[in-house]
Amino acid sequence: MRKLLVIGIGAGNPDHMTVQAIDGLNRADVLFIP
């Protein structure tokens, strides 16, 4: 089963990302960046 993860990084500073957000990005097969 596939999952859709929506990860927001607020103002765009990578220092403000949570550990869960970084883990989700590392596990993703595809990234969509508008």
C-alpha atoms as a PDB file:
ATOM      1  CA  MET A   1       0.000   0.000   0.000  1.00  0.00           C
ATOM      2  CA  ARG A   2       1.292   3.463  -0.882  1.00  0.00           C
ATOM      3  CA  LYS A   3       1.310   6.439   1.459  1.00  0.00           C
ATOM      4  CA  LEU A   4       1.065  10.128   0.816  1.00  0.00           C
ATOM      5  CA  LEU A   5       3.115  12.205   3.234  1.00  0.00           C
ATOM      6  CA  VAL A   6       2.629  15.963   3.317  1.00  0.00           C
ATOM      7  CA  ILE A   7       5.603  17.738   4.831  1.00  0.00           C
ATOM      8  CA  GLY A   8       5.654  21.486   5.363  1.00  0.00           C
ATOM      9  CA  ILE A   9       8.868  23.283   6.235  1.00  0.00           C
ATOM     10  CA  GLY A  10       7.336  26.581   7.289  1.00  0.00           C
ATOM     11  CA  ALA A  11       9.540  29.492   6.317  1.00  0.00           C
ATOM     12  CA  GLY A  12      11.904  27.179   4.447  1.00  0.00           C
ATOM     13  CA  ASN A  13      14.672  26.924   7.023  1.00  0.00           C
ATOM     14  CA  PRO A  14      15.803  23.260   7.148  1.00  0.00           C
ATOM     15  CA  ASP A  15      16.802  23.735  10.806  1.00  0.00           C
ATOM     16  CA  HIS A  16      13.085  23.974  11.681  1.00  0.00           C
ATOM     17  CA  MET A  17      12.183  20.545  10.259  1.00  0.00           C
ATOM     18  CA  THR A  18      11.235  17.787  12.682  1.00  0.00           C
ATOM     19  CA  VAL A  19      12.998  14.435  12.831  1.00  0.00           C
ATOM     20  CA  GLN A  20       9.806  12.836  11.479  1.00  0.00           C
ATOM     21  CA  ALA A  21       9.832  15.179   8.472  1.00  0.00           C
ATOM     22  CA  ILE A  22      13.461  14.367   7.673  1.00  0.00           C
ATOM     23  CA  ASP A  23      12.756  10.643   8.031  1.00  0.00           C
ATOM     24  CA  GLY A  24       9.773  10.930   5.682  1.00  0.00           C
ATOM     25  CA  LEU A  25      11.869  12.703   3.065  1.00  0.00           C
ATOM     26  CA  ASN A  26      14.578  10.059   3.335  1.00  0.00           C
ATOM     27  CA  ARG A  27      12.038   7.230   2.846  1.00  0.00           C
ATOM     28  CA  ALA A  28      10.187   8.849  -0.062  1.00  0.00           C
ATOM     29  CA  ASP A  29      10.441   7.334  -3.534  1.00  0.00           C
ATOM     30  CA  VAL A  30       9.058  10.472  -5.202  1.00  0.00           C
ATOM     31  CA  LEU A  31       9.143  14.129  -4.144  1.00  0.00           C
ATOM     32  CA  PHE A  32       6.765  16.781  -5.493  1.00  0.00           C
ATOM     33  CA  ILE A  33       7.971  20.320  -4.895  1.00  0.00           C
ATOM     34  CA  PRO A  34       5.601  23.017  -6.198  1.00  0.00           C
END
